[in-house]
Amino acid sequence: PQSAAARGVRVLVDAEQSYVNPALSLATLALMTRHNRASPWVWNTYQAYLRDGGRRLAGDAAAARRRGVRFGVKLVRGAYLEEERRRARDGGTPDPLHPTLDATHRSYGECLELALGLAARAGEAAGVMVATHNEASVLQAARRMEELGIPRRGGTVCFGQLLGMCDHVSLALGR
């Protein structure tokens, strides 16, 4: 992270399966504590399809605030749906995912509201990547950024999509 920060590059730690995420988050928060004093260089990924995604986001934001460090958030829906459900079923454990796509969309919207609120209140103390291919979520983010007075360019919020997926959403953001 130190070398990345010296070059103006953010380090976004990706989320994985739910059983790996607590360890990843702990390590990422430790890196934030060490490297995010002046600016959010290290960012953690939060998966809105997990039932505890919003709680983890709020808890980690509070922990960063208590430590006096800048908080970086990459917000995604999630990518391990079938694997997570199969693992829970085979292991006889509760399903960690929201039960429906609509519930996941609601969770993403709630996490987005929380993250954008942090960016608006904290100014440079929090950064947010809205990582989604969902056009409604992109529109929600753009609308809320305007309402909260978050700058469209050069501010604390950025957008990300995988190359070739929903390019029309990416192109619309560029305008």
N, C-alpha and C. Protein backbone atom coordinates (compact mmCIF):
# COMPACT_ATOMS: atom_id res chain seq x y z
N PRO A 1 0.80 -1.22 0.00
CA PRO A 1 0.00 0.00 0.00
C PRO A 1 0.84 1.28 0.00
N GLN A 2 1.98 1.26 0.65
CA GLN A 2 2.81 2.45 0.73
C GLN A 2 3.30 2.85 -0.66
N SER A 3 3.75 1.89 -1.43
CA SER A 3 4.22 2.15 -2.79
C SER A 3 3.07 2.62 -3.68
N ALA A 4 1.90 2.01 -3.51
CA ALA A 4 0.73 2.42 -4.30
C ALA A 4 0.34 3.85 -3.96
N ALA A 5 0.31 4.19 -2.68
CA ALA A 5 -0.04 5.55 -2.28
C ALA A 5 0.94 6.57 -2.83
N ALA A 6 2.22 6.22 -2.84
CA ALA A 6 3.24 7.13 -3.37
C ALA A 6 3.00 7.41 -4.85
N ARG A 7 2.35 6.48 -5.54
CA ARG A 7 2.07 6.64 -6.97
C ARG A 7 0.63 7.12 -7.23
N GLY A 8 -0.12 7.37 -6.16
CA GLY A 8 -1.50 7.82 -6.31
C GLY A 8 -2.46 6.73 -6.74
N VAL A 9 -2.17 5.49 -6.38
CA VAL A 9 -2.98 4.34 -6.78
C VAL A 9 -3.67 3.76 -5.56
N ARG A 10 -4.96 3.53 -5.65
CA ARG A 10 -5.72 2.91 -4.56
C ARG A 10 -5.52 1.40 -4.58
N VAL A 11 -5.59 0.82 -3.40
CA VAL A 11 -5.54 -0.64 -3.25
C VAL A 11 -6.93 -1.08 -2.83
N LEU A 12 -7.63 -1.77 -3.72
CA LEU A 12 -8.98 -2.25 -3.44
C LEU A 12 -8.90 -3.75 -3.16
N VAL A 13 -9.16 -4.12 -1.92
CA VAL A 13 -9.11 -5.53 -1.53
C VAL A 13 -10.46 -6.14 -1.89
N ASP A 14 -10.41 -7.18 -2.70
CA ASP A 14 -11.64 -7.80 -3.18
C ASP A 14 -12.25 -8.69 -2.11
N ALA A 15 -13.55 -8.86 -2.16
CA ALA A 15 -14.24 -9.78 -1.26
C ALA A 15 -14.29 -11.15 -1.94
N GLU A 16 -14.41 -12.15 -1.12
CA GLU A 16 -14.47 -13.53 -1.62
C GLU A 16 -15.69 -14.21 -1.02
N GLN A 17 -15.58 -15.49 -0.77
CA GLN A 17 -16.69 -16.22 -0.18
C GLN A 17 -16.90 -15.74 1.26
N SER A 18 -18.13 -15.90 1.73
CA SER A 18 -18.50 -15.36 3.04
C SER A 18 -17.63 -15.90 4.18
N TYR A 19 -17.18 -17.13 4.09
CA TYR A 19 -16.38 -17.70 5.17
C TYR A 19 -14.94 -17.16 5.17
N VAL A 20 -14.50 -16.53 4.11
CA VAL A 20 -13.16 -15.94 4.03
C VAL A 20 -13.20 -14.45 4.40
N ASN A 21 -14.34 -13.81 4.19
CA ASN A 21 -14.44 -12.36 4.34
C ASN A 21 -14.07 -11.82 5.72
N PRO A 22 -14.42 -12.46 6.83
CA PRO A 22 -14.02 -11.88 8.11
C PRO A 22 -12.50 -11.70 8.23
N ALA A 23 -11.74 -12.68 7.79
CA ALA A 23 -10.28 -12.56 7.85
C ALA A 23 -9.78 -11.48 6.89
N LEU A 24 -10.35 -11.43 5.68
CA LEU A 24 -9.96 -10.39 4.73
C LEU A 24 -10.27 -9.00 5.27
N SER A 25 -11.44 -8.85 5.87
CA SER A 25 -11.83 -7.54 6.41
C SER A 25 -10.92 -7.13 7.56
N LEU A 26 -10.58 -8.08 8.42
CA LEU A 26 -9.69 -7.77 9.54
C LEU A 26 -8.32 -7.29 9.02
N ALA A 27 -7.78 -8.00 8.06
CA ALA A 27 -6.50 -7.60 7.48
C ALA A 27 -6.61 -6.25 6.78
N THR A 28 -7.72 -6.03 6.06
CA THR A 28 -7.90 -4.77 5.34
C THR A 28 -8.05 -3.60 6.30
N LEU A 29 -8.80 -3.79 7.38
CA LEU A 29 -8.92 -2.73 8.38
C LEU A 29 -7.57 -2.42 9.03
N ALA A 30 -6.75 -3.43 9.24
CA ALA A 30 -5.40 -3.19 9.78
C ALA A 30 -4.58 -2.37 8.79
N LEU A 31 -4.69 -2.70 7.50
CA LEU A 31 -3.98 -1.92 6.48
C LEU A 31 -4.51 -0.49 6.40
N MET A 32 -5.83 -0.32 6.52
CA MET A 32 -6.41 1.03 6.55
C MET A 32 -5.83 1.83 7.72
N THR A 33 -5.76 1.19 8.88
CA THR A 33 -5.26 1.86 10.07
C THR A 33 -3.82 2.33 9.86
N ARG A 34 -3.07 1.54 9.14
CA ARG A 34 -1.65 1.89 8.91
C ARG A 34 -1.47 2.90 7.78
N HIS A 35 -2.26 2.79 6.71
CA HIS A 35 -1.98 3.56 5.49
C HIS A 35 -3.00 4.65 5.16
N ASN A 36 -4.15 4.68 5.82
CA ASN A 36 -5.21 5.61 5.45
C ASN A 36 -5.30 6.82 6.38
N ARG A 37 -4.20 7.30 6.85
CA ARG A 37 -4.22 8.46 7.75
C ARG A 37 -4.57 9.74 7.00
N ALA A 38 -3.96 9.95 5.85
CA ALA A 38 -4.16 11.20 5.11
C ALA A 38 -5.22 11.08 4.03
N SER A 39 -5.37 9.91 3.47
CA SER A 39 -6.29 9.71 2.35
C SER A 39 -6.68 8.23 2.31
N PRO A 40 -7.84 7.91 1.74
CA PRO A 40 -8.25 6.49 1.67
C PRO A 40 -7.52 5.75 0.54
N TRP A 41 -6.37 5.17 0.85
CA TRP A 41 -5.62 4.41 -0.15
C TRP A 41 -6.03 2.96 -0.19
N VAL A 42 -6.36 2.39 0.97
CA VAL A 42 -6.77 0.99 1.05
C VAL A 42 -8.28 0.96 1.21
N TRP A 43 -8.95 0.18 0.35
CA TRP A 43 -10.42 0.10 0.35
C TRP A 43 -10.83 -1.35 0.55
N ASN A 44 -11.94 -1.55 1.25
CA ASN A 44 -12.49 -2.89 1.44
C ASN A 44 -13.74 -3.05 0.56
N THR A 45 -14.01 -4.28 0.17
CA THR A 45 -15.18 -4.58 -0.66
C THR A 45 -16.30 -5.13 0.21
N TYR A 46 -17.50 -4.62 -0.03
CA TYR A 46 -18.69 -5.04 0.71
C TYR A 46 -19.70 -5.61 -0.27
N GLN A 47 -20.17 -6.84 0.01
CA GLN A 47 -21.08 -7.56 -0.86
C GLN A 47 -22.51 -7.42 -0.34
N ALA A 48 -23.33 -6.73 -1.12
CA ALA A 48 -24.71 -6.46 -0.70
C ALA A 48 -25.59 -7.70 -0.77
N TYR A 49 -25.17 -8.76 -1.44
CA TYR A 49 -26.01 -9.95 -1.48
C TYR A 49 -25.92 -10.77 -0.20
N LEU A 50 -24.96 -10.44 0.66
CA LEU A 50 -24.85 -11.11 1.95
C LEU A 50 -25.79 -10.46 2.96
N ARG A 51 -26.46 -11.26 3.73
CA ARG A 51 -27.40 -10.75 4.73
C ARG A 51 -26.73 -9.79 5.71
N ASP A 52 -25.44 -10.01 5.99
CA ASP A 52 -24.74 -9.16 6.94
C ASP A 52 -23.93 -8.05 6.27
N GLY A 53 -24.09 -7.86 4.97
CA GLY A 53 -23.30 -6.87 4.24
C GLY A 53 -23.46 -5.45 4.77
N GLY A 54 -24.67 -5.03 5.00
CA GLY A 54 -24.91 -3.68 5.50
C GLY A 54 -24.40 -3.50 6.92
N ARG A 55 -24.58 -4.51 7.75
CA ARG A 55 -24.08 -4.46 9.13
C ARG A 55 -22.56 -4.38 9.15
N ARG A 56 -21.91 -5.17 8.30
CA ARG A 56 -20.44 -5.14 8.22
C ARG A 56 -19.95 -3.78 7.74
N LEU A 57 -20.61 -3.22 6.74
CA LEU A 57 -20.23 -1.90 6.23
C LEU A 57 -20.35 -0.85 7.33
N ALA A 58 -21.46 -0.82 8.02
CA ALA A 58 -21.67 0.16 9.09
C ALA A 58 -20.66 -0.04 10.22
N GLY A 59 -20.41 -1.28 10.59
CA GLY A 59 -19.46 -1.56 11.66
C GLY A 59 -18.04 -1.17 11.32
N ASP A 60 -17.62 -1.47 10.09
CA ASP A 60 -16.27 -1.11 9.67
C ASP A 60 -16.11 0.40 9.54
N ALA A 61 -17.16 1.08 9.08
CA ALA A 61 -17.11 2.55 8.99
C ALA A 61 -16.94 3.15 10.38
N ALA A 62 -17.67 2.61 11.36
CA ALA A 62 -17.55 3.10 12.73
C ALA A 62 -16.15 2.81 13.28
N ALA A 63 -15.61 1.64 12.97
CA ALA A 63 -14.26 1.30 13.44
C ALA A 63 -13.22 2.25 12.83
N ALA A 64 -13.35 2.55 11.56
CA ALA A 64 -12.42 3.49 10.91
C ALA A 64 -12.53 4.87 11.55
N ARG A 65 -13.74 5.30 11.82
CA ARG A 65 -13.95 6.61 12.46
C ARG A 65 -13.30 6.64 13.84
N ARG A 66 -13.48 5.57 14.62
CA ARG A 66 -12.87 5.50 15.96
C ARG A 66 -11.34 5.54 15.88
N ARG A 67 -10.80 4.92 14.83
CA ARG A 67 -9.34 4.90 14.66
C ARG A 67 -8.80 6.19 14.04
N GLY A 68 -9.70 7.04 13.57
CA GLY A 68 -9.28 8.29 12.96
C GLY A 68 -8.63 8.12 11.59
N VAL A 69 -9.09 7.11 10.85
CA VAL A 69 -8.51 6.86 9.53
C VAL A 69 -9.55 7.06 8.43
N ARG A 70 -9.07 7.28 7.23
CA ARG A 70 -9.93 7.44 6.05
C ARG A 70 -10.47 6.07 5.67
N PHE A 71 -11.72 6.05 5.22
CA PHE A 71 -12.41 4.79 4.96
C PHE A 71 -12.68 4.65 3.47
N GLY A 72 -12.28 3.52 2.88
CA GLY A 72 -12.52 3.25 1.48
C GLY A 72 -13.49 2.09 1.30
N VAL A 73 -14.53 2.31 0.48
CA VAL A 73 -15.60 1.32 0.28
C VAL A 73 -15.74 1.01 -1.20
N LYS A 74 -15.66 -0.27 -1.55
CA LYS A 74 -16.06 -0.74 -2.88
C LYS A 74 -17.32 -1.55 -2.65
N LEU A 75 -18.43 -1.10 -3.23
CA LEU A 75 -19.72 -1.75 -3.02
C LEU A 75 -20.10 -2.56 -4.24
N VAL A 76 -20.30 -3.86 -4.02
CA VAL A 76 -20.70 -4.79 -5.09
C VAL A 76 -21.95 -5.55 -4.65
N ARG A 77 -22.58 -6.22 -5.59
CA ARG A 77 -23.70 -7.10 -5.22
C ARG A 77 -23.15 -8.43 -4.73
N GLY A 78 -22.26 -9.06 -5.45
CA GLY A 78 -21.68 -10.34 -5.06
C GLY A 78 -21.60 -11.27 -6.25
N ALA A 79 -20.71 -12.26 -6.15
CA ALA A 79 -20.44 -13.09 -7.32
C ALA A 79 -20.45 -14.59 -7.06
N TYR A 80 -20.66 -15.02 -5.83
CA TYR A 80 -20.51 -16.44 -5.51
C TYR A 80 -21.84 -17.07 -5.10
N LEU A 81 -22.91 -16.66 -5.74
CA LEU A 81 -24.26 -17.06 -5.35
C LEU A 81 -24.42 -18.58 -5.26
N GLU A 82 -24.13 -19.28 -6.34
CA GLU A 82 -24.36 -20.73 -6.34
C GLU A 82 -23.45 -21.44 -5.35
N GLU A 83 -22.19 -21.03 -5.31
CA GLU A 83 -21.26 -21.65 -4.38
C GLU A 83 -21.66 -21.42 -2.93
N GLU A 84 -22.09 -20.21 -2.59
CA GLU A 84 -22.51 -19.90 -1.22
C GLU A 84 -23.72 -20.74 -0.82
N ARG A 85 -24.69 -20.83 -1.72
CA ARG A 85 -25.92 -21.59 -1.40
C ARG A 85 -25.60 -23.09 -1.25
N ARG A 86 -24.76 -23.60 -2.15
CA ARG A 86 -24.40 -25.02 -2.08
C ARG A 86 -23.63 -25.33 -0.80
N ARG A 87 -22.70 -24.47 -0.45
CA ARG A 87 -21.90 -24.68 0.76
C ARG A 87 -22.79 -24.66 2.00
N ALA A 88 -23.74 -23.73 2.07
CA ALA A 88 -24.65 -23.67 3.21
C ALA A 88 -25.53 -24.92 3.27
N ARG A 89 -26.06 -25.32 2.13
CA ARG A 89 -26.93 -26.51 2.08
C ARG A 89 -26.15 -27.75 2.49
N ASP A 90 -24.97 -27.96 1.89
CA ASP A 90 -24.18 -29.16 2.17
C ASP A 90 -23.66 -29.19 3.60
N GLY A 91 -23.39 -28.00 4.16
CA GLY A 91 -22.86 -27.94 5.51
C GLY A 91 -23.92 -27.81 6.59
N GLY A 92 -25.18 -27.71 6.17
CA GLY A 92 -26.26 -27.58 7.14
C GLY A 92 -26.21 -26.27 7.91
N THR A 93 -25.70 -25.23 7.27
CA THR A 93 -25.60 -23.92 7.92
C THR A 93 -26.60 -22.97 7.27
N PRO A 94 -26.93 -21.89 7.95
CA PRO A 94 -27.86 -20.91 7.36
C PRO A 94 -27.30 -20.31 6.07
N ASP A 95 -28.16 -20.07 5.13
CA ASP A 95 -27.78 -19.42 3.87
C ASP A 95 -27.37 -17.98 4.18
N PRO A 96 -26.15 -17.58 3.82
CA PRO A 96 -25.69 -16.23 4.14
C PRO A 96 -26.24 -15.16 3.20
N LEU A 97 -26.94 -15.58 2.14
CA LEU A 97 -27.40 -14.64 1.13
C LEU A 97 -28.83 -14.20 1.36
N HIS A 98 -29.14 -13.03 0.84
CA HIS A 98 -30.54 -12.59 0.84
C HIS A 98 -31.35 -13.60 0.03
N PRO A 99 -32.61 -13.81 0.40
CA PRO A 99 -33.39 -14.88 -0.23
C PRO A 99 -33.82 -14.60 -1.66
N THR A 100 -33.90 -13.33 -2.07
CA THR A 100 -34.37 -13.00 -3.41
C THR A 100 -33.50 -11.92 -4.04
N LEU A 101 -33.62 -11.79 -5.35
CA LEU A 101 -32.91 -10.74 -6.07
C LEU A 101 -33.40 -9.37 -5.61
N ASP A 102 -34.72 -9.24 -5.39
CA ASP A 102 -35.25 -7.96 -4.91
C ASP A 102 -34.67 -7.59 -3.55
N ALA A 103 -34.50 -8.56 -2.68
CA ALA A 103 -33.91 -8.28 -1.37
C ALA A 103 -32.46 -7.84 -1.53
N THR A 104 -31.75 -8.43 -2.48
CA THR A 104 -30.37 -8.02 -2.75
C THR A 104 -30.34 -6.60 -3.31
N HIS A 105 -31.26 -6.28 -4.21
CA HIS A 105 -31.33 -4.91 -4.74
C HIS A 105 -31.60 -3.91 -3.61
N ARG A 106 -32.53 -4.25 -2.71
CA ARG A 106 -32.81 -3.36 -1.57
C ARG A 106 -31.57 -3.19 -0.70
N SER A 107 -30.87 -4.27 -0.45
CA SER A 107 -29.66 -4.22 0.36
C SER A 107 -28.61 -3.35 -0.30
N TYR A 108 -28.45 -3.49 -1.61
CA TYR A 108 -27.46 -2.66 -2.33
C TYR A 108 -27.85 -1.18 -2.18
N GLY A 109 -29.12 -0.88 -2.36
CA GLY A 109 -29.58 0.49 -2.23
C GLY A 109 -29.33 1.06 -0.84
N GLU A 110 -29.58 0.24 0.19
CA GLU A 110 -29.35 0.69 1.57
C GLU A 110 -27.86 0.90 1.84
N CYS A 111 -27.04 -0.02 1.36
CA CYS A 111 -25.58 0.13 1.53
C CYS A 111 -25.08 1.35 0.76
N LEU A 112 -25.63 1.57 -0.41
CA LEU A 112 -25.25 2.73 -1.21
C LEU A 112 -25.59 4.02 -0.49
N GLU A 113 -26.78 4.08 0.10
CA GLU A 113 -27.18 5.27 0.86
C GLU A 113 -26.22 5.51 2.03
N LEU A 114 -25.86 4.46 2.73
CA LEU A 114 -24.93 4.59 3.85
C LEU A 114 -23.56 5.08 3.36
N ALA A 115 -23.04 4.45 2.32
CA ALA A 115 -21.72 4.81 1.81
C ALA A 115 -21.68 6.24 1.27
N LEU A 116 -22.69 6.63 0.52
CA LEU A 116 -22.72 7.99 -0.01
C LEU A 116 -22.89 9.01 1.11
N GLY A 117 -23.65 8.65 2.14
CA GLY A 117 -23.77 9.53 3.30
C GLY A 117 -22.43 9.73 3.98
N LEU A 118 -21.63 8.68 4.08
CA LEU A 118 -20.29 8.79 4.64
C LEU A 118 -19.43 9.73 3.79
N ALA A 119 -19.50 9.55 2.49
CA ALA A 119 -18.69 10.38 1.58
C ALA A 119 -19.10 11.85 1.67
N ALA A 120 -20.40 12.10 1.80
CA ALA A 120 -20.88 13.48 1.87
C ALA A 120 -20.50 14.15 3.19
N ARG A 121 -20.64 13.41 4.29
CA ARG A 121 -20.34 13.98 5.61
C ARG A 121 -18.85 14.06 5.87
N ALA A 122 -18.13 13.07 5.40
CA ALA A 122 -16.72 12.97 5.75
C ALA A 122 -15.80 13.68 4.75
N GLY A 123 -16.36 14.13 3.64
CA GLY A 123 -15.52 14.79 2.63
C GLY A 123 -14.43 13.84 2.16
N GLU A 124 -13.19 14.25 2.33
CA GLU A 124 -12.06 13.43 1.89
C GLU A 124 -11.79 12.25 2.82
N ALA A 125 -12.53 12.13 3.91
CA ALA A 125 -12.27 11.06 4.87
C ALA A 125 -12.84 9.71 4.42
N ALA A 126 -13.69 9.70 3.40
CA ALA A 126 -14.26 8.45 2.92
C ALA A 126 -14.32 8.48 1.40
N GLY A 127 -14.00 7.35 0.81
CA GLY A 127 -14.11 7.19 -0.63
C GLY A 127 -15.04 6.03 -0.93
N VAL A 128 -15.77 6.12 -2.03
CA VAL A 128 -16.74 5.09 -2.40
C VAL A 128 -16.59 4.74 -3.87
N MET A 129 -16.52 3.44 -4.16
CA MET A 129 -16.63 2.96 -5.54
C MET A 129 -17.97 2.26 -5.66
N VAL A 130 -18.80 2.77 -6.55
CA VAL A 130 -20.08 2.15 -6.86
C VAL A 130 -19.79 1.15 -7.97
N ALA A 131 -19.60 -0.11 -7.60
CA ALA A 131 -19.21 -1.15 -8.54
C ALA A 131 -20.44 -1.98 -8.88
N THR A 132 -21.05 -1.66 -10.01
CA THR A 132 -22.29 -2.35 -10.38
C THR A 132 -22.52 -2.24 -11.88
N HIS A 133 -23.25 -3.22 -12.39
CA HIS A 133 -23.71 -3.19 -13.77
C HIS A 133 -25.19 -2.88 -13.82
N ASN A 134 -25.77 -2.59 -12.68
CA ASN A 134 -27.19 -2.33 -12.56
C ASN A 134 -27.47 -0.86 -12.81
N GLU A 135 -28.18 -0.59 -13.89
CA GLU A 135 -28.43 0.79 -14.30
C GLU A 135 -29.21 1.57 -13.24
N ALA A 136 -30.17 0.93 -12.60
CA ALA A 136 -30.97 1.62 -11.57
C ALA A 136 -30.08 2.05 -10.40
N SER A 137 -29.11 1.23 -10.03
CA SER A 137 -28.21 1.59 -8.94
C SER A 137 -27.30 2.75 -9.33
N VAL A 138 -26.85 2.76 -10.57
CA VAL A 138 -26.01 3.87 -11.05
C VAL A 138 -26.82 5.16 -11.04
N LEU A 139 -28.06 5.09 -11.50
CA LEU A 139 -28.91 6.29 -11.49
C LEU A 139 -29.20 6.75 -10.07
N GLN A 140 -29.45 5.80 -9.15
CA GLN A 140 -29.66 6.15 -7.75
C GLN A 140 -28.43 6.86 -7.19
N ALA A 141 -27.25 6.32 -7.48
CA ALA A 141 -26.01 6.93 -6.98
C ALA A 141 -25.83 8.34 -7.53
N ALA A 142 -26.02 8.50 -8.83
CA ALA A 142 -25.85 9.83 -9.45
C ALA A 142 -26.83 10.84 -8.87
N ARG A 143 -28.08 10.41 -8.68
CA ARG A 143 -29.10 11.30 -8.11
C ARG A 143 -28.74 11.69 -6.67
N ARG A 144 -28.35 10.71 -5.87
CA ARG A 144 -28.01 10.99 -4.47
C ARG A 144 -26.75 11.83 -4.36
N MET A 145 -25.79 11.62 -5.25
CA MET A 145 -24.59 12.45 -5.23
C MET A 145 -24.96 13.92 -5.43
N GLU A 146 -25.86 14.15 -6.38
CA GLU A 146 -26.30 15.52 -6.63
C GLU A 146 -27.02 16.09 -5.40
N GLU A 147 -27.93 15.31 -4.83
CA GLU A 147 -28.68 15.77 -3.66
C GLU A 147 -27.76 16.05 -2.46
N LEU A 148 -26.70 15.26 -2.32
CA LEU A 148 -25.79 15.41 -1.19
C LEU A 148 -24.65 16.39 -1.46
N GLY A 149 -24.59 16.91 -2.69
CA GLY A 149 -23.53 17.86 -3.03
C GLY A 149 -22.17 17.23 -3.24
N ILE A 150 -22.15 15.96 -3.61
CA ILE A 150 -20.89 15.27 -3.89
C ILE A 150 -20.49 15.57 -5.33
N PRO A 151 -19.29 16.09 -5.56
CA PRO A 151 -18.88 16.44 -6.93
C PRO A 151 -18.88 15.23 -7.87
N ARG A 152 -19.27 15.47 -9.12
CA ARG A 152 -19.28 14.39 -10.12
C ARG A 152 -17.88 14.03 -10.58
N ARG A 153 -17.00 15.00 -10.59
CA ARG A 153 -15.62 14.75 -11.05
C ARG A 153 -14.63 15.10 -9.96
N GLY A 154 -13.64 14.25 -9.79
CA GLY A 154 -12.57 14.53 -8.86
C GLY A 154 -12.96 14.46 -7.40
N GLY A 155 -14.13 13.92 -7.14
CA GLY A 155 -14.60 13.84 -5.75
C GLY A 155 -14.23 12.52 -5.11
N THR A 156 -15.00 12.16 -4.12
CA THR A 156 -14.71 10.97 -3.33
C THR A 156 -15.48 9.74 -3.80
N VAL A 157 -16.27 9.88 -4.86
CA VAL A 157 -17.06 8.76 -5.37
C VAL A 157 -16.64 8.46 -6.80
N CYS A 158 -16.46 7.18 -7.09
CA CYS A 158 -16.17 6.75 -8.46
C CYS A 158 -17.04 5.55 -8.79
N PHE A 159 -17.07 5.19 -10.04
CA PHE A 159 -17.90 4.07 -10.51
C PHE A 159 -17.01 3.04 -11.18
N GLY A 160 -17.42 1.78 -11.12
CA GLY A 160 -16.66 0.73 -11.78
C GLY A 160 -17.57 -0.36 -12.33
N GLN A 161 -17.24 -0.77 -13.55
CA GLN A 161 -17.90 -1.92 -14.17
C GLN A 161 -16.81 -2.74 -14.88
N LEU A 162 -17.07 -4.02 -15.04
CA LEU A 162 -16.15 -4.85 -15.78
C LEU A 162 -16.23 -4.49 -17.26
N LEU A 163 -15.09 -4.43 -17.90
CA LEU A 163 -15.02 -4.10 -19.32
C LEU A 163 -15.89 -5.07 -20.13
N GLY A 164 -16.74 -4.50 -20.96
CA GLY A 164 -17.59 -5.31 -21.82
C GLY A 164 -18.93 -5.67 -21.21
N MET A 165 -19.14 -5.37 -19.95
CA MET A 165 -20.42 -5.65 -19.31
C MET A 165 -21.16 -4.34 -19.10
N CYS A 166 -22.29 -4.19 -19.75
CA CYS A 166 -23.11 -2.98 -19.60
C CYS A 166 -22.33 -1.72 -19.96
N ASP A 167 -21.66 -1.76 -21.09
CA ASP A 167 -20.88 -0.61 -21.53
C ASP A 167 -21.74 0.64 -21.67
N HIS A 168 -23.02 0.47 -21.99
CA HIS A 168 -23.90 1.64 -22.12
C HIS A 168 -24.00 2.40 -20.80
N VAL A 169 -23.90 1.67 -19.68
CA VAL A 169 -23.93 2.34 -18.37
C VAL A 169 -22.64 3.13 -18.17
N SER A 170 -21.51 2.51 -18.50
CA SER A 170 -20.22 3.18 -18.36
C SER A 170 -20.15 4.41 -19.27
N LEU A 171 -20.61 4.28 -20.49
CA LEU A 171 -20.56 5.39 -21.44
C LEU A 171 -21.44 6.55 -20.97
N ALA A 172 -22.60 6.23 -20.41
CA ALA A 172 -23.49 7.29 -19.92
C ALA A 172 -22.85 8.04 -18.76
N LEU A 173 -22.08 7.34 -17.92
CA LEU A 173 -21.40 8.00 -16.81
C LEU A 173 -20.34 8.96 -17.30
N GLY A 174 -19.73 8.64 -18.41
CA GLY A 174 -18.67 9.48 -18.95
C GLY A 174 -19.16 10.79 -19.52
N ARG A 175 -20.45 10.90 -19.73
CA ARG A 175 -21.00 12.12 -20.34
C ARG A 175 -21.31 13.16 -19.32
